[in-house]
Amino acid sequence: MTMYDTIVIGSGAAGLTAGMYAARYQLNTLIIGKELGGETTTAWTIENYPGFTSIDGFELVQKMKEQVEKNGVSIVDKEVIKVERTSHCFNVHVSNSQYSAKTIIFANGTLRRHLNLPNEKALTGKGVHYCATCDAPLYKDKVIAIVGGGDASVKGANLAKSYASKVYLLVRGDKLTGEPHNIAALEGTSTVEVLYNTEVTTIVGQQKLEKVTLAQPYNNSNELMVDGLFIEIGADPNVALPKQLGVNLDERGYIQVDALMRTNIDGVFAAGDSTNHFGAFKQVITAAAQGAVAATSAFQDVSEHGQACEFHAVVTTHRDEVI
């Protein structure tokens, strides 16, 4: 079995950047990720990534992937189900395979939040969606509703207005909290109507979505007839795998890292939206930056510990405990 210097778990902007940097450090590197690109692929148009005035999120990911592969890194498109530690090294399990590495970089990203309403799961993909960027084009000349008042929902509405005949933006609070540039793009749009202080209480439909009910009436009715419902209410850190290794989380459930992307477990690093670095500010550029730093720390770790796993169990210079 090949012993990798580092395995990057997650193939979004953080994971791909970590893989590229690790390869340039001449580390034998493998990237494993269920969904190539992660959240970046769902971005309709990215206008704040250096070097590109405007670029589609999927296209940006493809460029990252090409650069990673050009540096000799393989990408396994599978879901990691288990990570375990053996001495200083680690075993990473997918459905029918196992890989081993001296270091791990978690770049799992986040998981979309749900409303947790009855019928929501049953109608997912049948009118209920979690990515307007991905699926709004399916609703050309249809009526849709987008739940959320943050930047993801605002950008989703800006995209959806190009396809849907009507877009309801259902905001629980009394204002939008997206980027001013994106909010401004909604102004004066006749096809988009923002309903403030509005919550969905029921998702109705048998074989497909038919309508939703609201906690407060709109046009004298609590029922809103829609063809599609897009739930864009944020995400939670994907930390099930780091928890298997005992990685510390902060009070909000994000992976605790230091300035060099090191966790409390020697040989384990993290990068991207699942970490507490940069606080709540989650961007493609910050994820990529963290990936670069995590790879640098992995290189330093491999250089310090040598080659054999049994010799890696030493007192480290940057931890208080014996590993």
C-alpha atoms as a PDB file:
ATOM      1  CA  MET A   1       0.000   0.000   0.000  1.00  0.00           C
ATOM      2  CA  THR A   2       1.284   3.445  -0.928  1.00  0.00           C
ATOM      3  CA  MET A   3       2.154   5.632   2.032  1.00  0.00           C
ATOM      4  CA  TYR A   4       1.288   9.210   1.106  1.00  0.00           C
ATOM      5  CA  ASP A   5       2.999  12.141   2.729  1.00  0.00           C
ATOM      6  CA  THR A   6      -0.343  13.863   3.013  1.00  0.00           C
ATOM      7  CA  ILE A   7      -3.950  13.098   2.163  1.00  0.00           C
ATOM      8  CA  VAL A   8      -6.254  16.058   1.637  1.00  0.00           C
ATOM      9  CA  ILE A   9      -9.877  15.255   2.500  1.00  0.00           C
ATOM     10  CA  GLY A  10     -12.071  17.591   0.516  1.00  0.00           C
ATOM     11  CA  SER A  11     -11.744  18.836  -3.057  1.00  0.00           C
ATOM     12  CA  GLY A  12     -13.030  22.390  -2.848  1.00  0.00           C
ATOM     13  CA  ALA A  13     -10.930  25.531  -3.135  1.00  0.00           C
ATOM     14  CA  ALA A  14      -9.107  24.798   0.137  1.00  0.00           C
ATOM     15  CA  GLY A  15      -8.432  21.157  -0.696  1.00  0.00           C
ATOM     16  CA  LEU A  16      -7.314  21.768  -4.271  1.00  0.00           C
ATOM     17  CA  THR A  17      -4.985  24.567  -3.225  1.00  0.00           C
ATOM     18  CA  ALA A  18      -3.557  22.421  -0.420  1.00  0.00           C
ATOM     19  CA  GLY A  19      -2.948  19.630  -2.916  1.00  0.00           C
ATOM     20  CA  MET A  20      -1.197  21.941  -5.343  1.00  0.00           C
ATOM     21  CA  TYR A  21       1.090  23.420  -2.695  1.00  0.00           C
ATOM     22  CA  ALA A  22       1.845  20.012  -1.202  1.00  0.00           C
ATOM     23  CA  ALA A  23       2.883  18.746  -4.625  1.00  0.00           C
ATOM     24  CA  ARG A  24       5.162  21.729  -5.140  1.00  0.00           C
ATOM     25  CA  TYR A  25       6.807  20.791  -1.846  1.00  0.00           C
ATOM     26  CA  GLN A  26       7.348  17.388  -3.506  1.00  0.00           C
ATOM     27  CA  LEU A  27       5.090  15.623  -1.053  1.00  0.00           C
ATOM     28  CA  ASN A  28       3.414  12.459  -2.312  1.00  0.00           C
ATOM     29  CA  THR A  29      -0.136  13.792  -2.192  1.00  0.00           C
ATOM     30  CA  LEU A  30      -3.652  12.446  -2.675  1.00  0.00           C
ATOM     31  CA  ILE A  31      -6.918  14.409  -2.672  1.00  0.00           C
ATOM     32  CA  ILE A  32     -10.143  12.607  -1.779  1.00  0.00           C
ATOM     33  CA  GLY A  33     -13.456  14.408  -2.113  1.00  0.00           C
ATOM     34  CA  LYS A  34     -17.059  13.440  -2.726  1.00  0.00           C
ATOM     35  CA  GLU A  35     -17.953  16.579  -4.685  1.00  0.00           C
ATOM     36  CA  LEU A  36     -15.260  18.295  -6.717  1.00  0.00           C
ATOM     37  CA  GLY A  37     -15.225  22.014  -6.047  1.00  0.00           C
ATOM     38  CA  GLY A  38     -17.575  22.013  -3.087  1.00  0.00           C
ATOM     39  CA  GLU A  39     -19.434  25.283  -2.611  1.00  0.00           C
ATOM     40  CA  THR A  40     -17.321  27.065  -5.211  1.00  0.00           C
ATOM     41  CA  THR A  41     -19.020  25.173  -8.028  1.00  0.00           C
ATOM     42  CA  THR A  42     -22.386  26.546  -6.902  1.00  0.00           C
ATOM     43  CA  ALA A  43     -21.281  30.150  -7.318  1.00  0.00           C
ATOM     44  CA  TRP A  44     -22.978  31.658 -10.324  1.00  0.00           C
ATOM     45  CA  THR A  45     -20.552  34.480 -11.024  1.00  0.00           C
ATOM     46  CA  ILE A  46     -17.432  35.266  -8.988  1.00  0.00           C
ATOM     47  CA  GLU A  47     -16.222  38.834  -9.352  1.00  0.00           C
ATOM     48  CA  ASN A  48     -13.849  39.125  -6.392  1.00  0.00           C
ATOM     49  CA  TYR A  49     -11.244  36.437  -7.052  1.00  0.00           C
ATOM     50  CA  PRO A  50      -7.897  38.017  -7.991  1.00  0.00           C
ATOM     51  CA  GLY A  51      -6.929  37.597 -11.615  1.00  0.00           C
ATOM     52  CA  PHE A  52     -10.491  37.256 -12.912  1.00  0.00           C
ATOM     53  CA  THR A  53     -12.806  40.202 -13.487  1.00  0.00           C
ATOM     54  CA  SER A  54     -15.644  37.691 -13.661  1.00  0.00           C
ATOM     55  CA  ILE A  55     -15.626  33.905 -13.715  1.00  0.00           C
ATOM     56  CA  ASP A  56     -18.171  31.140 -13.219  1.00  0.00           C
ATOM     57  CA  GLY A  57     -17.546  29.091 -10.066  1.00  0.00           C
ATOM     58  CA  PHE A  58     -17.501  25.796 -11.949  1.00  0.00           C
ATOM     59  CA  GLU A  59     -14.980  27.162 -14.432  1.00  0.00           C
ATOM     60  CA  LEU A  60     -12.725  28.370 -11.622  1.00  0.00           C
ATOM     61  CA  VAL A  61     -12.778  24.914 -10.037  1.00  0.00           C
ATOM     62  CA  GLN A  62     -11.880  23.292 -13.350  1.00  0.00           C
ATOM     63  CA  LYS A  63      -8.884  25.595 -13.669  1.00  0.00           C
ATOM     64  CA  MET A  64      -7.802  24.667 -10.140  1.00  0.00           C
ATOM     65  CA  LYS A  65      -8.231  20.974 -10.911  1.00  0.00           C
ATOM     66  CA  GLU A  66      -6.133  21.245 -14.069  1.00  0.00           C
ATOM     67  CA  GLN A  67      -3.368  22.978 -12.146  1.00  0.00           C
ATOM     68  CA  VAL A  68      -3.435  20.340  -9.395  1.00  0.00           C
ATOM     69  CA  GLU A  69      -3.263  17.459 -11.848  1.00  0.00           C
ATOM     70  CA  LYS A  70      -0.493  19.180 -13.785  1.00  0.00           C
ATOM     71  CA  ASN A  71       1.514  18.984 -10.560  1.00  0.00           C
ATOM     72  CA  GLY A  72       1.007  15.219 -10.445  1.00  0.00           C
ATOM     73  CA  VAL A  73      -1.683  14.956  -7.779  1.00  0.00           C
ATOM     74  CA  SER A  74      -4.433  12.341  -8.144  1.00  0.00           C
ATOM     75  CA  ILE A  75      -8.008  13.138  -7.129  1.00  0.00           C
ATOM     76  CA  VAL A  76     -10.305  10.361  -5.889  1.00  0.00           C
ATOM     77  CA  ASP A  77     -13.975  11.272  -6.283  1.00  0.00           C
ATOM     78  CA  LYS A  78     -15.330   9.279  -3.343  1.00  0.00           C
ATOM     79  CA  GLU A  79     -16.714   9.943   0.103  1.00  0.00           C
ATOM     80  CA  VAL A  80     -14.444   9.301   3.059  1.00  0.00           C
ATOM     81  CA  ILE A  81     -16.330   7.302   5.678  1.00  0.00           C
ATOM     82  CA  LYS A  82     -13.669   6.803   8.342  1.00  0.00           C
ATOM     83  CA  VAL A  83     -10.310   8.190   9.444  1.00  0.00           C
ATOM     84  CA  GLU A  84      -8.205   6.446  12.069  1.00  0.00           C
ATOM     85  CA  ARG A  85      -4.778   6.932  13.543  1.00  0.00           C
ATOM     86  CA  THR A  86      -1.975   4.350  13.721  1.00  0.00           C
ATOM     87  CA  SER A  87       0.993   5.712  15.672  1.00  0.00           C
ATOM     88  CA  HIS A  88       1.657   9.036  13.949  1.00  0.00           C
ATOM     89  CA  CYS A  89       0.187   7.949  10.619  1.00  0.00           C
ATOM     90  CA  PHE A  90      -3.408   7.755   9.459  1.00  0.00           C
ATOM     91  CA  ASN A  91      -5.681   5.382   7.572  1.00  0.00           C
ATOM     92  CA  VAL A  92      -8.395   6.898   5.394  1.00  0.00           C
ATOM     93  CA  HIS A  93     -11.294   4.639   4.406  1.00  0.00           C
ATOM     94  CA  VAL A  94     -13.634   5.068   1.434  1.00  0.00           C
ATOM     95  CA  SER A  95     -16.336   2.628   0.337  1.00  0.00           C
ATOM     96  CA  ASN A  96     -14.073  -0.206  -0.794  1.00  0.00           C
ATOM     97  CA  SER A  97     -10.549   1.116  -0.412  1.00  0.00           C
ATOM     98  CA  GLN A  98      -8.096   2.309   2.202  1.00  0.00           C
ATOM     99  CA  TYR A  99      -5.304   4.856   1.920  1.00  0.00           C
ATOM    100  CA  SER A 100      -2.525   5.701   4.368  1.00  0.00           C
ATOM    101  CA  ALA A 101      -0.706   8.950   5.013  1.00  0.00           C
ATOM    102  CA  LYS A 102       1.732  10.601   7.390  1.00  0.00           C
ATOM    103  CA  THR A 103      -0.401  13.733   7.628  1.00  0.00           C
ATOM    104  CA  ILE A 104      -4.016  14.700   7.052  1.00  0.00           C
ATOM    105  CA  ILE A 105      -5.466  17.977   5.846  1.00  0.00           C
ATOM    106  CA  PHE A 106      -9.191  18.314   6.475  1.00  0.00           C
ATOM    107  CA  ALA A 107     -10.846  20.562   3.913  1.00  0.00           C
ATOM    108  CA  ASN A 108     -14.379  19.201   4.204  1.00  0.00           C
ATOM    109  CA  GLY A 109     -16.179  22.516   3.980  1.00  0.00           C
ATOM    110  CA  THR A 110     -19.758  22.842   5.180  1.00  0.00           C
ATOM    111  CA  LEU A 111     -23.150  21.164   4.881  1.00  0.00           C
ATOM    112  CA  ARG A 112     -26.247  23.071   3.760  1.00  0.00           C
ATOM    113  CA  ARG A 113     -28.813  23.769   6.477  1.00  0.00           C
ATOM    114  CA  HIS A 114     -32.347  22.448   6.123  1.00  0.00           C
ATOM    115  CA  LEU A 115     -35.637  23.795   7.399  1.00  0.00           C
ATOM    116  CA  ASN A 116     -36.311  20.367   8.976  1.00  0.00           C
ATOM    117  CA  LEU A 117     -39.948  20.465   7.995  1.00  0.00           C
ATOM    118  CA  PRO A 118     -42.130  17.411   7.299  1.00  0.00           C
ATOM    119  CA  ASN A 119     -42.074  16.461   3.607  1.00  0.00           C
ATOM    120  CA  GLU A 120     -38.851  18.429   3.012  1.00  0.00           C
ATOM    121  CA  LYS A 121     -36.678  15.365   2.541  1.00  0.00           C
ATOM    122  CA  ALA A 122     -39.282  13.510   0.485  1.00  0.00           C
ATOM    123  CA  LEU A 123     -39.577  16.405  -1.974  1.00  0.00           C
ATOM    124  CA  THR A 124     -35.877  17.162  -2.231  1.00  0.00           C
ATOM    125  CA  GLY A 125     -35.109  17.140  -5.938  1.00  0.00           C
ATOM    126  CA  LYS A 126     -38.837  17.222  -6.649  1.00  0.00           C
ATOM    127  CA  GLY A 127     -39.286  20.946  -6.207  1.00  0.00           C
ATOM    128  CA  VAL A 128     -37.179  21.443  -3.072  1.00  0.00           C
ATOM    129  CA  HIS A 129     -33.574  22.463  -3.633  1.00  0.00           C
ATOM    130  CA  TYR A 130     -30.599  23.867  -1.708  1.00  0.00           C
ATOM    131  CA  CYS A 131     -28.663  25.572  -4.477  1.00  0.00           C
ATOM    132  CA  ALA A 132     -30.300  28.214  -6.638  1.00  0.00           C
ATOM    133  CA  THR A 133     -27.146  28.524  -8.689  1.00  0.00           C
ATOM    134  CA  CYS A 134     -27.308  24.828  -9.530  1.00  0.00           C
ATOM    135  CA  ASP A 135     -31.003  24.324 -10.158  1.00  0.00           C
ATOM    136  CA  ALA A 136     -32.735  27.658 -10.842  1.00  0.00           C
ATOM    137  CA  PRO A 137     -32.228  27.239 -14.617  1.00  0.00           C
ATOM    138  CA  LEU A 138     -34.636  24.284 -14.401  1.00  0.00           C
ATOM    139  CA  TYR A 139     -37.461  26.694 -13.585  1.00  0.00           C
ATOM    140  CA  LYS A 140     -37.667  28.773 -16.719  1.00  0.00           C
ATOM    141  CA  ASP A 141     -40.967  30.706 -16.758  1.00  0.00           C
ATOM    142  CA  LYS A 142     -41.952  29.119 -13.433  1.00  0.00           C
ATOM    143  CA  VAL A 143     -42.693  30.571  -9.987  1.00  0.00           C
ATOM    144  CA  ILE A 144     -40.154  29.911  -7.263  1.00  0.00           C
ATOM    145  CA  ALA A 145     -39.457  30.948  -3.687  1.00  0.00           C
ATOM    146  CA  ILE A 146     -36.051  31.339  -2.089  1.00  0.00           C
ATOM    147  CA  VAL A 147     -35.752  31.107   1.692  1.00  0.00           C
ATOM    148  CA  GLY A 148     -33.066  33.239   3.317  1.00  0.00           C
ATOM    149  CA  GLY A 149     -31.888  36.799   3.678  1.00  0.00           C
ATOM    150  CA  GLY A 150     -28.126  36.365   3.439  1.00  0.00           C
ATOM    151  CA  ASP A 151     -25.781  36.710   0.510  1.00  0.00           C
ATOM    152  CA  ALA A 152     -26.389  33.196  -0.849  1.00  0.00           C
ATOM    153  CA  SER A 153     -30.131  33.787  -1.147  1.00  0.00           C
ATOM    154  CA  VAL A 154     -29.666  37.263  -2.629  1.00  0.00           C
ATOM    155  CA  LYS A 155     -27.250  35.973  -5.259  1.00  0.00           C
ATOM    156  CA  GLY A 156     -29.640  33.098  -5.898  1.00  0.00           C
ATOM    157  CA  ALA A 157     -32.480  35.530  -6.536  1.00  0.00           C
ATOM    158  CA  ASN A 158     -30.308  37.561  -8.904  1.00  0.00           C
ATOM    159  CA  LEU A 159     -29.624  34.420 -10.903  1.00  0.00           C
ATOM    160  CA  ALA A 160     -33.149  33.040 -10.729  1.00  0.00           C
ATOM    161  CA  LYS A 161     -34.721  36.250 -12.039  1.00  0.00           C
ATOM    162  CA  SER A 162     -33.127  35.446 -15.405  1.00  0.00           C
ATOM    163  CA  TYR A 163     -35.176  32.261 -15.638  1.00  0.00           C
ATOM    164  CA  ALA A 164     -38.247  32.279 -13.421  1.00  0.00           C
ATOM    165  CA  SER A 165     -41.325  34.334 -14.177  1.00  0.00           C
ATOM    166  CA  LYS A 166     -41.624  35.211 -10.484  1.00  0.00           C
ATOM    167  CA  VAL A 167     -39.208  34.944  -7.565  1.00  0.00           C
ATOM    168  CA  TYR A 168     -40.329  35.334  -3.959  1.00  0.00           C
ATOM    169  CA  LEU A 169     -37.480  35.985  -1.541  1.00  0.00           C
ATOM    170  CA  LEU A 170     -38.724  34.886   1.887  1.00  0.00           C
ATOM    171  CA  VAL A 171     -36.774  36.636   4.626  1.00  0.00           C
ATOM    172  CA  ARG A 172     -37.306  35.719   8.279  1.00  0.00           C
ATOM    173  CA  GLY A 173     -36.000  39.073   9.515  1.00  0.00           C
ATOM    174  CA  ASP A 174     -36.715  42.639   8.528  1.00  0.00           C
ATOM    175  CA  LYS A 175     -33.733  43.240   6.250  1.00  0.00           C
ATOM    176  CA  LEU A 176     -31.362  41.613   3.790  1.00  0.00           C
ATOM    177  CA  THR A 177     -27.836  40.933   5.018  1.00  0.00           C
ATOM    178  CA  GLY A 178     -26.086  40.145   1.743  1.00  0.00           C
ATOM    179  CA  GLU A 179     -23.304  42.148   0.141  1.00  0.00           C
ATOM    180  CA  PRO A 180     -24.512  45.651  -0.830  1.00  0.00           C
ATOM    181  CA  HIS A 181     -23.458  45.084  -4.443  1.00  0.00           C
ATOM    182  CA  ASN A 182     -25.691  42.019  -4.714  1.00  0.00           C
ATOM    183  CA  ILE A 183     -28.621  43.655  -2.918  1.00  0.00           C
ATOM    184  CA  ALA A 184     -28.400  46.629  -5.256  1.00  0.00           C
ATOM    185  CA  ALA A 185     -28.696  44.272  -8.225  1.00  0.00           C
ATOM    186  CA  LEU A 186     -32.151  43.249  -6.980  1.00  0.00           C
ATOM    187  CA  GLU A 187     -33.492  46.785  -6.833  1.00  0.00           C
ATOM    188  CA  GLY A 188     -35.928  47.678  -9.535  1.00  0.00           C
ATOM    189  CA  THR A 189     -36.392  44.050 -10.566  1.00  0.00           C
ATOM    190  CA  SER A 190     -40.074  43.469 -11.258  1.00  0.00           C
ATOM    191  CA  THR A 191     -39.855  39.678 -11.157  1.00  0.00           C
ATOM    192  CA  VAL A 192     -38.423  39.574  -7.610  1.00  0.00           C
ATOM    193  CA  GLU A 193     -40.575  40.312  -4.573  1.00  0.00           C
ATOM    194  CA  VAL A 194     -39.035  40.347  -1.099  1.00  0.00           C
ATOM    195  CA  LEU A 195     -41.339  39.267   1.733  1.00  0.00           C
ATOM    196  CA  TYR A 196     -39.876  40.276   5.098  1.00  0.00           C
ATOM    197  CA  ASN A 197     -40.718  38.704   8.469  1.00  0.00           C
ATOM    198  CA  THR A 198     -41.858  35.619   6.609  1.00  0.00           C
ATOM    199  CA  GLU A 199     -41.283  31.959   7.490  1.00  0.00           C
ATOM    200  CA  VAL A 200     -42.271  28.735   5.749  1.00  0.00           C
ATOM    201  CA  THR A 201     -44.247  26.423   8.033  1.00  0.00           C
ATOM    202  CA  THR A 202     -45.289  23.624   5.683  1.00  0.00           C
ATOM    203  CA  ILE A 203     -44.068  22.155   2.402  1.00  0.00           C
ATOM    204  CA  VAL A 204     -47.001  20.714   0.486  1.00  0.00           C
ATOM    205  CA  GLY A 205     -46.969  18.157  -2.297  1.00  0.00           C
ATOM    206  CA  GLN A 206     -47.246  14.454  -3.118  1.00  0.00           C
ATOM    207  CA  GLN A 207     -45.098  13.522  -6.103  1.00  0.00           C
ATOM    208  CA  LYS A 208     -43.751  17.057  -6.440  1.00  0.00           C
ATOM    209  CA  LEU A 209     -43.890  20.403  -4.685  1.00  0.00           C
ATOM    210  CA  GLU A 210     -47.203  22.179  -5.054  1.00  0.00           C
ATOM    211  CA  LYS A 211     -47.127  25.025  -2.554  1.00  0.00           C
ATOM    212  CA  VAL A 212     -45.866  26.216   0.811  1.00  0.00           C
ATOM    213  CA  THR A 213     -47.691  27.661   3.758  1.00  0.00           C
ATOM    214  CA  LEU A 214     -46.450  30.748   5.561  1.00  0.00           C
ATOM    215  CA  ALA A 215     -46.560  31.695   9.235  1.00  0.00           C
ATOM    216  CA  GLN A 216     -48.111  35.035   8.285  1.00  0.00           C
ATOM    217  CA  PRO A 217     -50.459  35.835   5.404  1.00  0.00           C
ATOM    218  CA  TYR A 218     -49.412  37.272   2.079  1.00  0.00           C
ATOM    219  CA  ASN A 219     -52.173  38.866   0.012  1.00  0.00           C
ATOM    220  CA  ASN A 220     -54.703  37.610   2.583  1.00  0.00           C
ATOM    221  CA  SER A 221     -53.585  33.988   2.285  1.00  0.00           C
ATOM    222  CA  ASN A 222     -51.147  31.780   4.165  1.00  0.00           C
ATOM    223  CA  GLU A 223     -50.634  29.651   1.078  1.00  0.00           C
ATOM    224  CA  LEU A 224     -48.091  30.484  -1.585  1.00  0.00           C
ATOM    225  CA  MET A 225     -48.261  28.552  -4.853  1.00  0.00           C
ATOM    226  CA  VAL A 226     -44.750  27.825  -6.153  1.00  0.00           C
ATOM    227  CA  ASP A 227     -43.137  25.401  -8.546  1.00  0.00           C
ATOM    228  CA  GLY A 228     -39.806  25.403  -6.758  1.00  0.00           C
ATOM    229  CA  LEU A 229     -38.493  26.122  -3.269  1.00  0.00           C
ATOM    230  CA  PHE A 230     -34.823  26.955  -2.732  1.00  0.00           C
ATOM    231  CA  ILE A 231     -33.541  26.836   0.842  1.00  0.00           C
ATOM    232  CA  GLU A 232     -30.531  29.140   1.160  1.00  0.00           C
ATOM    233  CA  ILE A 233     -30.141  29.631   4.920  1.00  0.00           C
ATOM    234  CA  GLY A 234     -26.455  28.995   5.387  1.00  0.00           C
ATOM    235  CA  ALA A 235     -24.426  25.957   6.312  1.00  0.00           C
ATOM    236  CA  ASP A 236     -22.791  24.149   9.218  1.00  0.00           C
ATOM    237  CA  PRO A 237     -19.191  22.889   9.374  1.00  0.00           C
ATOM    238  CA  ASN A 238     -18.702  19.327   8.157  1.00  0.00           C
ATOM    239  CA  VAL A 239     -16.726  17.948  11.092  1.00  0.00           C
ATOM    240  CA  ALA A 240     -17.809  14.321  11.529  1.00  0.00           C
ATOM    241  CA  LEU A 241     -14.440  13.012  10.285  1.00  0.00           C
ATOM    242  CA  PRO A 242     -12.220  15.373  12.329  1.00  0.00           C
ATOM    243  CA  LYS A 243     -14.208  14.397  15.421  1.00  0.00           C
ATOM    244  CA  GLN A 244     -13.219  10.761  14.822  1.00  0.00           C
ATOM    245  CA  LEU A 245      -9.628  11.779  15.540  1.00  0.00           C
ATOM    246  CA  GLY A 246     -10.470  13.939  18.535  1.00  0.00           C
ATOM    247  CA  VAL A 247      -9.885  17.264  16.804  1.00  0.00           C
ATOM    248  CA  ASN A 248     -10.976  20.173  18.977  1.00  0.00           C
ATOM    249  CA  LEU A 249     -13.932  22.304  17.871  1.00  0.00           C
ATOM    250  CA  ASP A 250     -14.848  25.812  18.969  1.00  0.00           C
ATOM    251  CA  GLU A 251     -18.124  26.819  20.620  1.00  0.00           C
ATOM    252  CA  ARG A 252     -19.822  27.101  17.211  1.00  0.00           C
ATOM    253  CA  GLY A 253     -18.659  23.672  16.053  1.00  0.00           C
ATOM    254  CA  TYR A 254     -15.845  24.801  13.748  1.00  0.00           C
ATOM    255  CA  ILE A 255     -12.394  23.188  13.756  1.00  0.00           C
ATOM    256  CA  GLN A 256      -9.977  25.058  15.983  1.00  0.00           C
ATOM    257  CA  VAL A 257      -6.745  25.876  14.170  1.00  0.00           C
ATOM    258  CA  ASP A 258      -3.794  28.103  14.923  1.00  0.00           C
ATOM    259  CA  ALA A 259      -2.237  30.599  12.529  1.00  0.00           C
ATOM    260  CA  LEU A 260      -0.475  27.737  10.706  1.00  0.00           C
ATOM    261  CA  MET A 261      -3.664  25.676  10.285  1.00  0.00           C
ATOM    262  CA  ARG A 262      -2.545  23.146  12.899  1.00  0.00           C
ATOM    263  CA  THR A 263      -5.166  21.361  15.002  1.00  0.00           C
ATOM    264  CA  ASN A 264      -4.629  19.958  18.483  1.00  0.00           C
ATOM    265  CA  ILE A 265      -3.660  16.601  16.918  1.00  0.00           C
ATOM    266  CA  ASP A 266      -0.094  16.417  15.650  1.00  0.00           C
ATOM    267  CA  GLY A 267      -0.012  15.696  11.941  1.00  0.00           C
ATOM    268  CA  VAL A 268      -3.591  16.885  11.424  1.00  0.00           C
ATOM    269  CA  PHE A 269      -4.291  20.195   9.739  1.00  0.00           C
ATOM    270  CA  ALA A 270      -7.451  21.879   8.500  1.00  0.00           C
ATOM    271  CA  ALA A 271      -8.359  24.536   5.957  1.00  0.00           C
ATOM    272  CA  GLY A 272     -11.380  26.224   4.472  1.00  0.00           C
ATOM    273  CA  ASP A 273     -14.929  26.877   5.608  1.00  0.00           C
ATOM    274  CA  SER A 274     -14.927  24.173   8.315  1.00  0.00           C
ATOM    275  CA  THR A 275     -12.304  26.034  10.375  1.00  0.00           C
ATOM    276  CA  ASN A 276     -12.665  28.923  12.793  1.00  0.00           C
ATOM    277  CA  HIS A 277      -9.932  30.889  11.054  1.00  0.00           C
ATOM    278  CA  PHE A 278     -11.168  34.276   9.719  1.00  0.00           C
ATOM    279  CA  GLY A 279     -14.309  33.835  11.837  1.00  0.00           C
ATOM    280  CA  ALA A 280     -17.544  33.997   9.880  1.00  0.00           C
ATOM    281  CA  PHE A 281     -15.841  35.428   6.800  1.00  0.00           C
ATOM    282  CA  LYS A 282     -15.988  32.566   4.288  1.00  0.00           C
ATOM    283  CA  GLN A 283     -14.715  33.238   0.776  1.00  0.00           C
ATOM    284  CA  VAL A 284     -13.016  31.277  -1.998  1.00  0.00           C
ATOM    285  CA  ILE A 285      -9.854  33.314  -1.553  1.00  0.00           C
ATOM    286  CA  THR A 286      -9.684  32.721   2.218  1.00  0.00           C
ATOM    287  CA  ALA A 287     -10.266  28.990   1.749  1.00  0.00           C
ATOM    288  CA  ALA A 288      -7.488  28.831  -0.838  1.00  0.00           C
ATOM    289  CA  ALA A 289      -5.137  30.789   1.423  1.00  0.00           C
ATOM    290  CA  GLN A 290      -5.748  28.395   4.290  1.00  0.00           C
ATOM    291  CA  GLY A 291      -5.108  25.446   1.993  1.00  0.00           C
ATOM    292  CA  ALA A 292      -1.711  26.855   1.067  1.00  0.00           C
ATOM    293  CA  VAL A 293      -0.767  27.368   4.720  1.00  0.00           C
ATOM    294  CA  ALA A 294      -1.985  23.892   5.725  1.00  0.00           C
ATOM    295  CA  ALA A 295       0.156  22.285   3.018  1.00  0.00           C
ATOM    296  CA  THR A 296       3.170  24.244   4.217  1.00  0.00           C
ATOM    297  CA  SER A 297       2.613  22.993   7.755  1.00  0.00           C
ATOM    298  CA  ALA A 298       2.198  19.425   6.498  1.00  0.00           C
ATOM    299  CA  PHE A 299       5.526  19.739   4.684  1.00  0.00           C
ATOM    300  CA  GLN A 300       7.204  20.945   7.860  1.00  0.00           C
ATOM    301  CA  ASP A 301       5.650  18.087   9.816  1.00  0.00           C
ATOM    302  CA  VAL A 302       6.830  15.428   7.361  1.00  0.00           C
ATOM    303  CA  SER A 303      10.301  16.983   7.276  1.00  0.00           C
ATOM    304  CA  GLU A 304      10.484  16.953  11.087  1.00  0.00           C
ATOM    305  CA  HIS A 305       9.222  13.440  11.673  1.00  0.00           C
ATOM    306  CA  GLY A 306      11.097  11.565   8.965  1.00  0.00           C
ATOM    307  CA  GLN A 307       9.796   8.530   7.113  1.00  0.00           C
ATOM    308  CA  ALA A 308       8.563   5.713   9.361  1.00  0.00           C
ATOM    309  CA  CYS A 309       5.309   6.038  11.296  1.00  0.00           C
ATOM    310  CA  GLU A 310       6.681   4.407  14.430  1.00  0.00           C
ATOM    311  CA  PHE A 311       9.344   7.096  14.674  1.00  0.00           C
ATOM    312  CA  HIS A 312       6.803   9.849  14.393  1.00  0.00           C
ATOM    313  CA  ALA A 313       5.525   9.340  17.947  1.00  0.00           C
ATOM    314  CA  VAL A 314       7.777  11.974  19.447  1.00  0.00           C
ATOM    315  CA  VAL A 315       7.487  15.081  21.571  1.00  0.00           C
ATOM    316  CA  THR A 316       6.783  17.872  19.115  1.00  0.00           C
ATOM    317  CA  THR A 317       8.164  21.374  19.306  1.00  0.00           C
ATOM    318  CA  HIS A 318       4.778  23.025  18.860  1.00  0.00           C
ATOM    319  CA  ARG A 319       2.552  20.969  21.167  1.00  0.00           C
ATOM    320  CA  ASP A 320       2.336  20.621  24.910  1.00  0.00           C
ATOM    321  CA  GLU A 321       1.528  16.935  24.859  1.00  0.00           C
ATOM    322  CA  VAL A 322       3.405  13.820  23.783  1.00  0.00           C
ATOM    323  CA  ILE A 323       2.114  12.482  20.485  1.00  0.00           C
END
